[in-house]
Amino acid sequence: MMEMTLLKDIKQYTKEWKASLRDRLNGQAATIYIIQIGDNEASNRYVRNKIKDCEEVGIEAICIKLPAEVTTEDVQEVMVKNYMADPEAAMMVQLPVPAHIDLDKVIAAIPEKGDVDGMKPLSKFKPCTPLGIMKYLEHCEYDLPGKNVTIIGRSDIVGKPLAQMMTDADATVTLCHSKTKSLWLHVETADLIVSAVGKRGILNCYAIHKPVIDVGINFDENGKLCGDCINTEGRDVTPVPGGVGLLTRCALLENIVRMVEER
């Protein structure tokens, strides 16, 4: 099987993915409540894009925007109120949340069957960014079994679940983090690299000739959105913007449609 080219058009792929989801939904009612706390500009942009995606597929997206000074208990109350009013709806919490909010308690208030963001430990839905990456690798016909994959970043919503998914797909996975010694040795021996740190310049791709999935969301000195990787010109690296973010948003839609299908 041919090696993939990660720079294959992700925009075209996600356009086709959304069209297939609209067909699967076939006019059935679907709603998601997006709980946003505070006025983070990156979150505002992301929520706008999610709402637009939902409209394209035929999903009603309702953003409940709460002030930054709201308490954890207030957030929980709003979530329970909306679940009681619409128990068939999906629900998610837009990250990040203010530091004083107990995120574990907020996540616990998400209804089990509506946890389409895959945030709860025993959720039946896979976290959206890892799911989006795995679907894209499948689309690219990338043969994961036996491949050495280096993942940089061990967050609970990207690095760890992605490592598990790739291990389940019979890849040999190395999960690197801030305490990893000689990171470059793990990069050199990898067939596929995933950078999910959220730190501009954590990976210099000048000397890398293996495919790289850039999950990082950062802003440069000019306020321009950028990923973790630098010196990507001529290298097989997913773009930021227009890369993994699109896959993540489509994976959320995938989980919502699946929720409707399993009613």
C-alpha atoms as a PDB file:
ATOM      1  CA  MET A   1       0.000   0.000   0.000  1.00  0.00           C
ATOM      2  CA  MET A   2       1.286   3.452  -0.894  1.00  0.00           C
ATOM      3  CA  GLU A   3       2.453   5.831   1.800  1.00  0.00           C
ATOM      4  CA  MET A   4       0.089   8.701   2.418  1.00  0.00           C
ATOM      5  CA  THR A   5       0.749  12.313   1.701  1.00  0.00           C
ATOM      6  CA  LEU A   6      -0.484  14.274   4.690  1.00  0.00           C
ATOM      7  CA  LEU A   7      -0.731  17.408   2.616  1.00  0.00           C
ATOM      8  CA  LYS A   8      -3.611  15.844   0.720  1.00  0.00           C
ATOM      9  CA  ASP A   9      -6.436  18.369   0.739  1.00  0.00           C
ATOM     10  CA  ILE A  10      -7.956  18.215   4.231  1.00  0.00           C
ATOM     11  CA  LYS A  11     -10.499  20.891   3.294  1.00  0.00           C
ATOM     12  CA  GLN A  12     -11.835  18.756   0.462  1.00  0.00           C
ATOM     13  CA  TYR A  13     -11.897  15.655   2.659  1.00  0.00           C
ATOM     14  CA  THR A  14     -13.851  17.373   5.441  1.00  0.00           C
ATOM     15  CA  LYS A  15     -16.256  18.847   2.871  1.00  0.00           C
ATOM     16  CA  GLU A  16     -17.002  15.324   1.642  1.00  0.00           C
ATOM     17  CA  TRP A  17     -17.231  14.036   5.223  1.00  0.00           C
ATOM     18  CA  LYS A  18     -19.833  16.654   6.129  1.00  0.00           C
ATOM     19  CA  ALA A  19     -21.850  15.839   3.005  1.00  0.00           C
ATOM     20  CA  SER A  20     -21.932  12.168   3.999  1.00  0.00           C
ATOM     21  CA  LEU A  21     -23.036  13.085   7.526  1.00  0.00           C
ATOM     22  CA  ARG A  22     -25.869  15.214   6.171  1.00  0.00           C
ATOM     23  CA  ASP A  23     -27.009  12.230   4.110  1.00  0.00           C
ATOM     24  CA  ARG A  24     -26.856   9.954   7.151  1.00  0.00           C
ATOM     25  CA  LEU A  25     -28.815  12.399   9.278  1.00  0.00           C
ATOM     26  CA  ASN A  26     -31.419  12.640   6.523  1.00  0.00           C
ATOM     27  CA  GLY A  27     -33.448  15.380   8.182  1.00  0.00           C
ATOM     28  CA  GLN A  28     -33.662  13.764  11.611  1.00  0.00           C
ATOM     29  CA  ALA A  29     -33.747  16.214  14.515  1.00  0.00           C
ATOM     30  CA  ALA A  30     -30.367  16.746  16.166  1.00  0.00           C
ATOM     31  CA  THR A  31     -29.346  19.378  18.701  1.00  0.00           C
ATOM     32  CA  ILE A  32     -26.160  20.186  20.570  1.00  0.00           C
ATOM     33  CA  TYR A  33     -25.778  22.620  23.453  1.00  0.00           C
ATOM     34  CA  ILE A  34     -22.347  24.265  23.547  1.00  0.00           C
ATOM     35  CA  ILE A  35     -21.515  25.607  27.013  1.00  0.00           C
ATOM     36  CA  GLN A  36     -18.989  28.446  26.769  1.00  0.00           C
ATOM     37  CA  ILE A  37     -17.651  30.237  29.836  1.00  0.00           C
ATOM     38  CA  GLY A  38     -16.015  33.615  29.394  1.00  0.00           C
ATOM     39  CA  ASP A  39     -14.996  35.514  26.277  1.00  0.00           C
ATOM     40  CA  ASN A  40     -11.843  33.796  25.027  1.00  0.00           C
ATOM     41  CA  GLU A  41     -11.325  35.000  21.446  1.00  0.00           C
ATOM     42  CA  ALA A  42      -9.994  31.661  20.213  1.00  0.00           C
ATOM     43  CA  SER A  43     -13.033  29.949  21.744  1.00  0.00           C
ATOM     44  CA  ASN A  44     -15.360  32.503  20.147  1.00  0.00           C
ATOM     45  CA  ARG A  45     -13.885  31.722  16.747  1.00  0.00           C
ATOM     46  CA  TYR A  46     -14.039  27.990  17.309  1.00  0.00           C
ATOM     47  CA  VAL A  47     -17.674  28.076  18.477  1.00  0.00           C
ATOM     48  CA  ARG A  48     -18.668  30.157  15.440  1.00  0.00           C
ATOM     49  CA  ASN A  49     -17.081  27.557  13.195  1.00  0.00           C
ATOM     50  CA  LYS A  50     -18.793  24.702  15.034  1.00  0.00           C
ATOM     51  CA  ILE A  51     -22.175  26.365  14.632  1.00  0.00           C
ATOM     52  CA  LYS A  52     -21.512  26.874  10.914  1.00  0.00           C
ATOM     53  CA  ASP A  53     -20.510  23.211  10.532  1.00  0.00           C
ATOM     54  CA  CYS A  54     -23.661  22.072  12.315  1.00  0.00           C
ATOM     55  CA  GLU A  55     -25.830  24.192  10.033  1.00  0.00           C
ATOM     56  CA  GLU A  56     -24.221  22.573   6.972  1.00  0.00           C
ATOM     57  CA  VAL A  57     -25.068  19.102   8.241  1.00  0.00           C
ATOM     58  CA  GLY A  58     -28.556  19.920   9.555  1.00  0.00           C
ATOM     59  CA  ILE A  59     -27.775  19.987  13.282  1.00  0.00           C
ATOM     60  CA  GLU A  60     -29.149  22.711  15.547  1.00  0.00           C
ATOM     61  CA  ALA A  61     -26.296  24.197  17.586  1.00  0.00           C
ATOM     62  CA  ILE A  62     -27.199  26.339  20.608  1.00  0.00           C
ATOM     63  CA  CYS A  63     -24.377  28.212  22.317  1.00  0.00           C
ATOM     64  CA  ILE A  64     -25.000  29.086  25.961  1.00  0.00           C
ATOM     65  CA  LYS A  65     -22.407  31.706  26.790  1.00  0.00           C
ATOM     66  CA  LEU A  66     -21.879  32.304  30.496  1.00  0.00           C
ATOM     67  CA  PRO A  67     -19.883  35.151  32.093  1.00  0.00           C
ATOM     68  CA  ALA A  68     -16.323  34.413  33.182  1.00  0.00           C
ATOM     69  CA  GLU A  69     -17.156  35.021  36.841  1.00  0.00           C
ATOM     70  CA  VAL A  70     -19.842  32.317  36.931  1.00  0.00           C
ATOM     71  CA  THR A  71     -19.409  29.591  39.583  1.00  0.00           C
ATOM     72  CA  THR A  72     -18.991  25.886  38.959  1.00  0.00           C
ATOM     73  CA  GLU A  73     -22.362  25.288  40.610  1.00  0.00           C
ATOM     74  CA  ASP A  74     -24.023  27.830  38.311  1.00  0.00           C
ATOM     75  CA  VAL A  75     -22.600  26.055  35.268  1.00  0.00           C
ATOM     76  CA  GLN A  76     -23.820  22.696  36.516  1.00  0.00           C
ATOM     77  CA  GLU A  77     -27.284  24.137  37.125  1.00  0.00           C
ATOM     78  CA  VAL A  78     -27.490  25.493  33.575  1.00  0.00           C
ATOM     79  CA  MET A  79     -26.383  22.157  32.131  1.00  0.00           C
ATOM     80  CA  VAL A  80     -28.895  20.135  34.148  1.00  0.00           C
ATOM     81  CA  LYS A  81     -31.686  22.583  33.283  1.00  0.00           C
ATOM     82  CA  ASN A  82     -31.056  22.244  29.563  1.00  0.00           C
ATOM     83  CA  TYR A  83     -30.726  18.468  29.752  1.00  0.00           C
ATOM     84  CA  MET A  84     -34.055  18.210  31.572  1.00  0.00           C
ATOM     85  CA  ALA A  85     -35.664  20.396  28.891  1.00  0.00           C
ATOM     86  CA  ASP A  86     -34.134  18.440  26.003  1.00  0.00           C
ATOM     87  CA  PRO A  87     -32.845  14.983  27.096  1.00  0.00           C
ATOM     88  CA  GLU A  88     -32.219  13.864  23.501  1.00  0.00           C
ATOM     89  CA  ALA A  89     -29.717  16.659  22.842  1.00  0.00           C
ATOM     90  CA  ALA A  90     -25.939  16.443  22.831  1.00  0.00           C
ATOM     91  CA  MET A  91     -23.905  18.672  25.133  1.00  0.00           C
ATOM     92  CA  MET A  92     -20.310  19.820  25.276  1.00  0.00           C
ATOM     93  CA  VAL A  93     -18.171  22.316  27.192  1.00  0.00           C
ATOM     94  CA  GLN A  94     -15.939  24.600  25.155  1.00  0.00           C
ATOM     95  CA  LEU A  95     -12.364  24.614  26.457  1.00  0.00           C
ATOM     96  CA  PRO A  96     -10.553  26.342  28.012  1.00  0.00           C
ATOM     97  CA  VAL A  97     -12.608  27.355  31.037  1.00  0.00           C
ATOM     98  CA  PRO A  98     -11.570  29.971  33.645  1.00  0.00           C
ATOM     99  CA  ALA A  99      -9.136  28.717  36.290  1.00  0.00           C
ATOM    100  CA  HIS A 100     -11.658  28.913  39.130  1.00  0.00           C
ATOM    101  CA  ILE A 101     -14.051  26.482  37.404  1.00  0.00           C
ATOM    102  CA  ASP A 102     -13.818  22.861  38.562  1.00  0.00           C
ATOM    103  CA  LEU A 103     -13.671  21.221  35.144  1.00  0.00           C
ATOM    104  CA  ASP A 104     -14.097  17.701  36.527  1.00  0.00           C
ATOM    105  CA  LYS A 105     -17.397  18.678  38.137  1.00  0.00           C
ATOM    106  CA  VAL A 106     -18.569  20.392  34.965  1.00  0.00           C
ATOM    107  CA  ILE A 107     -17.698  17.366  32.848  1.00  0.00           C
ATOM    108  CA  ALA A 108     -19.521  15.145  35.330  1.00  0.00           C
ATOM    109  CA  ALA A 109     -22.698  17.154  34.608  1.00  0.00           C
ATOM    110  CA  ILE A 110     -22.631  16.247  30.910  1.00  0.00           C
ATOM    111  CA  PRO A 111     -25.298  13.586  30.246  1.00  0.00           C
ATOM    112  CA  GLU A 112     -23.753  10.203  29.453  1.00  0.00           C
ATOM    113  CA  LYS A 113     -25.587   9.651  26.171  1.00  0.00           C
ATOM    114  CA  GLY A 114     -24.931  13.218  25.026  1.00  0.00           C
ATOM    115  CA  ASP A 115     -21.175  13.341  25.670  1.00  0.00           C
ATOM    116  CA  VAL A 116     -20.293  13.721  21.980  1.00  0.00           C
ATOM    117  CA  ASP A 117     -16.978  15.393  22.826  1.00  0.00           C
ATOM    118  CA  GLY A 118     -15.813  12.189  24.534  1.00  0.00           C
ATOM    119  CA  MET A 119     -14.845  14.007  27.729  1.00  0.00           C
ATOM    120  CA  LYS A 120     -16.174  11.591  30.340  1.00  0.00           C
ATOM    121  CA  PRO A 121     -13.875   8.679  31.315  1.00  0.00           C
ATOM    122  CA  LEU A 122     -16.392   6.004  30.257  1.00  0.00           C
ATOM    123  CA  SER A 123     -17.881   7.867  27.304  1.00  0.00           C
ATOM    124  CA  LYS A 124     -18.997   5.714  24.385  1.00  0.00           C
ATOM    125  CA  PHE A 125     -17.796   8.477  22.065  1.00  0.00           C
ATOM    126  CA  LYS A 126     -14.136   8.906  21.157  1.00  0.00           C
ATOM    127  CA  PRO A 127     -12.470  12.301  21.813  1.00  0.00           C
ATOM    128  CA  CYS A 128     -12.834  14.404  18.698  1.00  0.00           C
ATOM    129  CA  THR A 129      -9.240  15.310  17.824  1.00  0.00           C
ATOM    130  CA  PRO A 130      -7.903  11.717  18.039  1.00  0.00           C
ATOM    131  CA  LEU A 131     -10.978  10.447  16.192  1.00  0.00           C
ATOM    132  CA  GLY A 132     -10.525  13.029  13.452  1.00  0.00           C
ATOM    133  CA  ILE A 133      -6.855  12.090  13.039  1.00  0.00           C
ATOM    134  CA  MET A 134      -7.642   8.369  12.858  1.00  0.00           C
ATOM    135  CA  LYS A 135     -10.396   8.934  10.274  1.00  0.00           C
ATOM    136  CA  TYR A 136      -7.997  11.024   8.207  1.00  0.00           C
ATOM    137  CA  LEU A 137      -5.277   8.376   8.328  1.00  0.00           C
ATOM    138  CA  GLU A 138      -7.853   5.847   7.151  1.00  0.00           C
ATOM    139  CA  HIS A 139      -8.890   8.193   4.344  1.00  0.00           C
ATOM    140  CA  CYS A 140      -5.245   8.529   3.319  1.00  0.00           C
ATOM    141  CA  GLU A 141      -4.910   4.714   3.345  1.00  0.00           C
ATOM    142  CA  TYR A 142      -2.045   4.938   5.784  1.00  0.00           C
ATOM    143  CA  ASP A 143      -1.072   1.455   6.938  1.00  0.00           C
ATOM    144  CA  LEU A 144      -0.639   1.853  10.719  1.00  0.00           C
ATOM    145  CA  PRO A 145       0.073  -1.764  11.756  1.00  0.00           C
ATOM    146  CA  GLY A 146       3.751  -2.161  12.626  1.00  0.00           C
ATOM    147  CA  LYS A 147       4.578   1.529  12.149  1.00  0.00           C
ATOM    148  CA  ASN A 148       6.593   3.459  14.741  1.00  0.00           C
ATOM    149  CA  VAL A 149       4.559   6.476  15.852  1.00  0.00           C
ATOM    150  CA  THR A 150       5.956   9.207  18.082  1.00  0.00           C
ATOM    151  CA  ILE A 151       3.343  11.367  19.814  1.00  0.00           C
ATOM    152  CA  ILE A 152       4.624  14.502  21.549  1.00  0.00           C
ATOM    153  CA  GLY A 153       2.210  15.578  24.277  1.00  0.00           C
ATOM    154  CA  ARG A 154       0.275  13.420  26.763  1.00  0.00           C
ATOM    155  CA  SER A 155      -2.917  15.393  27.393  1.00  0.00           C
ATOM    156  CA  ASP A 156      -6.060  13.545  28.391  1.00  0.00           C
ATOM    157  CA  ILE A 157      -7.959  14.804  25.353  1.00  0.00           C
ATOM    158  CA  VAL A 158      -5.361  14.263  22.600  1.00  0.00           C
ATOM    159  CA  GLY A 159      -2.071  12.513  23.382  1.00  0.00           C
ATOM    160  CA  LYS A 160      -3.223   9.719  25.668  1.00  0.00           C
ATOM    161  CA  PRO A 161      -6.400   8.685  23.800  1.00  0.00           C
ATOM    162  CA  LEU A 162      -4.642   8.946  20.433  1.00  0.00           C
ATOM    163  CA  ALA A 163      -1.838   6.707  21.715  1.00  0.00           C
ATOM    164  CA  GLN A 164      -4.449   4.146  22.774  1.00  0.00           C
ATOM    165  CA  MET A 165      -6.285   4.293  19.448  1.00  0.00           C
ATOM    166  CA  MET A 166      -3.064   3.864  17.484  1.00  0.00           C
ATOM    167  CA  THR A 167      -1.949   1.018  19.726  1.00  0.00           C
ATOM    168  CA  ASP A 168      -5.314  -0.647  19.146  1.00  0.00           C
ATOM    169  CA  ALA A 169      -4.601  -0.245  15.415  1.00  0.00           C
ATOM    170  CA  ASP A 170      -1.355  -2.239  15.935  1.00  0.00           C
ATOM    171  CA  ALA A 171       1.079   0.671  15.677  1.00  0.00           C
ATOM    172  CA  THR A 172       4.088   0.838  18.008  1.00  0.00           C
ATOM    173  CA  VAL A 173       3.580   4.080  19.895  1.00  0.00           C
ATOM    174  CA  THR A 174       6.016   6.211  21.880  1.00  0.00           C
ATOM    175  CA  LEU A 175       4.300   8.882  23.977  1.00  0.00           C
ATOM    176  CA  CYS A 176       6.714  11.731  24.700  1.00  0.00           C
ATOM    177  CA  HIS A 177       6.256  14.596  27.151  1.00  0.00           C
ATOM    178  CA  SER A 178       8.084  17.340  29.031  1.00  0.00           C
ATOM    179  CA  LYS A 179      10.183  14.823  30.998  1.00  0.00           C
ATOM    180  CA  THR A 180      11.263  12.845  27.938  1.00  0.00           C
ATOM    181  CA  LYS A 181      15.035  12.745  27.484  1.00  0.00           C
ATOM    182  CA  SER A 182      16.577  12.932  24.009  1.00  0.00           C
ATOM    183  CA  LEU A 183      13.303  13.694  22.241  1.00  0.00           C
ATOM    184  CA  TRP A 184      15.064  13.822  18.898  1.00  0.00           C
ATOM    185  CA  LEU A 185      15.979  10.122  19.135  1.00  0.00           C
ATOM    186  CA  HIS A 186      12.257   9.263  19.219  1.00  0.00           C
ATOM    187  CA  VAL A 187      11.604  11.642  16.329  1.00  0.00           C
ATOM    188  CA  GLU A 188      14.401  10.150  14.216  1.00  0.00           C
ATOM    189  CA  THR A 189      13.135   6.585  14.514  1.00  0.00           C
ATOM    190  CA  ALA A 190       9.473   7.418  13.875  1.00  0.00           C
ATOM    191  CA  ASP A 191       7.537   6.599  10.728  1.00  0.00           C
ATOM    192  CA  LEU A 192       4.854   9.089  11.735  1.00  0.00           C
ATOM    193  CA  ILE A 193       5.044  12.018  14.183  1.00  0.00           C
ATOM    194  CA  VAL A 194       2.211  13.788  15.990  1.00  0.00           C
ATOM    195  CA  SER A 195       2.928  17.060  17.790  1.00  0.00           C
ATOM    196  CA  ALA A 196       0.211  17.967  20.302  1.00  0.00           C
ATOM    197  CA  VAL A 197       1.989  20.249  22.739  1.00  0.00           C
ATOM    198  CA  GLY A 198       0.565  23.696  22.046  1.00  0.00           C
ATOM    199  CA  LYS A 199       3.972  25.372  21.940  1.00  0.00           C
ATOM    200  CA  ARG A 200       5.225  27.171  18.861  1.00  0.00           C
ATOM    201  CA  GLY A 201       8.571  25.792  17.640  1.00  0.00           C
ATOM    202  CA  ILE A 202       8.541  22.611  19.724  1.00  0.00           C
ATOM    203  CA  LEU A 203       9.312  20.729  16.500  1.00  0.00           C
ATOM    204  CA  ASN A 204      11.716  22.016  13.849  1.00  0.00           C
ATOM    205  CA  CYS A 205      10.800  20.151  10.657  1.00  0.00           C
ATOM    206  CA  TYR A 206      13.851  21.258   8.641  1.00  0.00           C
ATOM    207  CA  ALA A 207      15.597  17.911   9.126  1.00  0.00           C
ATOM    208  CA  ILE A 208      12.431  15.784   9.268  1.00  0.00           C
ATOM    209  CA  HIS A 209      11.449  13.804   6.196  1.00  0.00           C
ATOM    210  CA  LYS A 210       8.613  11.829   7.761  1.00  0.00           C
ATOM    211  CA  PRO A 211       4.946  12.832   7.849  1.00  0.00           C
ATOM    212  CA  VAL A 212       3.979  15.071  10.764  1.00  0.00           C
ATOM    213  CA  ILE A 213       0.501  15.751  12.120  1.00  0.00           C
ATOM    214  CA  ASP A 214       0.547  19.196  13.741  1.00  0.00           C
ATOM    215  CA  VAL A 215      -2.182  19.450  16.401  1.00  0.00           C
ATOM    216  CA  GLY A 216      -0.833  22.594  18.034  1.00  0.00           C
ATOM    217  CA  ILE A 217      -2.908  25.768  18.258  1.00  0.00           C
ATOM    218  CA  ASN A 218      -0.756  28.831  18.939  1.00  0.00           C
ATOM    219  CA  PHE A 219      -0.447  32.457  17.901  1.00  0.00           C
ATOM    220  CA  ASP A 220       2.754  34.024  16.607  1.00  0.00           C
ATOM    221  CA  GLU A 221       4.103  37.478  17.457  1.00  0.00           C
ATOM    222  CA  ASN A 222       1.746  39.002  14.869  1.00  0.00           C
ATOM    223  CA  GLY A 223      -1.328  37.294  16.305  1.00  0.00           C
ATOM    224  CA  LYS A 224      -1.500  34.843  13.414  1.00  0.00           C
ATOM    225  CA  LEU A 225      -2.734  31.320  14.109  1.00  0.00           C
ATOM    226  CA  CYS A 226       0.045  28.742  13.856  1.00  0.00           C
ATOM    227  CA  GLY A 227       0.906  25.214  14.951  1.00  0.00           C
ATOM    228  CA  ASP A 228       3.697  23.571  16.931  1.00  0.00           C
ATOM    229  CA  CYS A 229       5.959  23.097  13.913  1.00  0.00           C
ATOM    230  CA  ILE A 230       8.351  25.505  12.236  1.00  0.00           C
ATOM    231  CA  ASN A 231      10.307  25.231   8.975  1.00  0.00           C
ATOM    232  CA  THR A 232       7.538  23.194   7.355  1.00  0.00           C
ATOM    233  CA  GLU A 233       8.006  24.374   3.772  1.00  0.00           C
ATOM    234  CA  GLY A 234       8.513  21.383   1.512  1.00  0.00           C
ATOM    235  CA  ARG A 235       7.840  18.977   4.383  1.00  0.00           C
ATOM    236  CA  ASP A 236       4.898  16.616   4.819  1.00  0.00           C
ATOM    237  CA  VAL A 237       3.179  18.493   7.662  1.00  0.00           C
ATOM    238  CA  THR A 238      -0.532  19.158   8.155  1.00  0.00           C
ATOM    239  CA  PRO A 239      -1.267  22.897   7.927  1.00  0.00           C
ATOM    240  CA  VAL A 240      -2.382  25.218  10.718  1.00  0.00           C
ATOM    241  CA  PRO A 241      -4.966  26.602  10.166  1.00  0.00           C
ATOM    242  CA  GLY A 242      -6.859  24.328   7.795  1.00  0.00           C
ATOM    243  CA  GLY A 243      -5.638  21.028   9.217  1.00  0.00           C
ATOM    244  CA  VAL A 244      -6.399  19.097  12.372  1.00  0.00           C
ATOM    245  CA  GLY A 245      -8.895  21.729  13.539  1.00  0.00           C
ATOM    246  CA  LEU A 246     -11.148  20.859  10.591  1.00  0.00           C
ATOM    247  CA  LEU A 247     -10.820  17.156  11.393  1.00  0.00           C
ATOM    248  CA  THR A 248     -11.718  17.783  15.037  1.00  0.00           C
ATOM    249  CA  ARG A 249     -14.848  19.700  14.111  1.00  0.00           C
ATOM    250  CA  CYS A 250     -15.970  17.000  11.685  1.00  0.00           C
ATOM    251  CA  ALA A 251     -15.380  14.315  14.310  1.00  0.00           C
ATOM    252  CA  LEU A 252     -17.767  16.185  16.630  1.00  0.00           C
ATOM    253  CA  LEU A 253     -20.404  16.089  13.890  1.00  0.00           C
ATOM    254  CA  GLU A 254     -19.690  12.392  13.389  1.00  0.00           C
ATOM    255  CA  ASN A 255     -20.359  11.719  17.065  1.00  0.00           C
ATOM    256  CA  ILE A 256     -23.587  13.736  17.022  1.00  0.00           C
ATOM    257  CA  VAL A 257     -24.895  11.843  13.986  1.00  0.00           C
ATOM    258  CA  ARG A 258     -23.946   8.559  15.617  1.00  0.00           C
ATOM    259  CA  MET A 259     -25.840   9.599  18.756  1.00  0.00           C
ATOM    260  CA  VAL A 260     -28.953  10.219  16.638  1.00  0.00           C
ATOM    261  CA  GLU A 261     -28.530   6.920  14.798  1.00  0.00           C
ATOM    262  CA  GLU A 262     -28.360   5.018  18.098  1.00  0.00           C
ATOM    263  CA  ARG A 263     -31.485   6.534  19.677  1.00  0.00           C
END
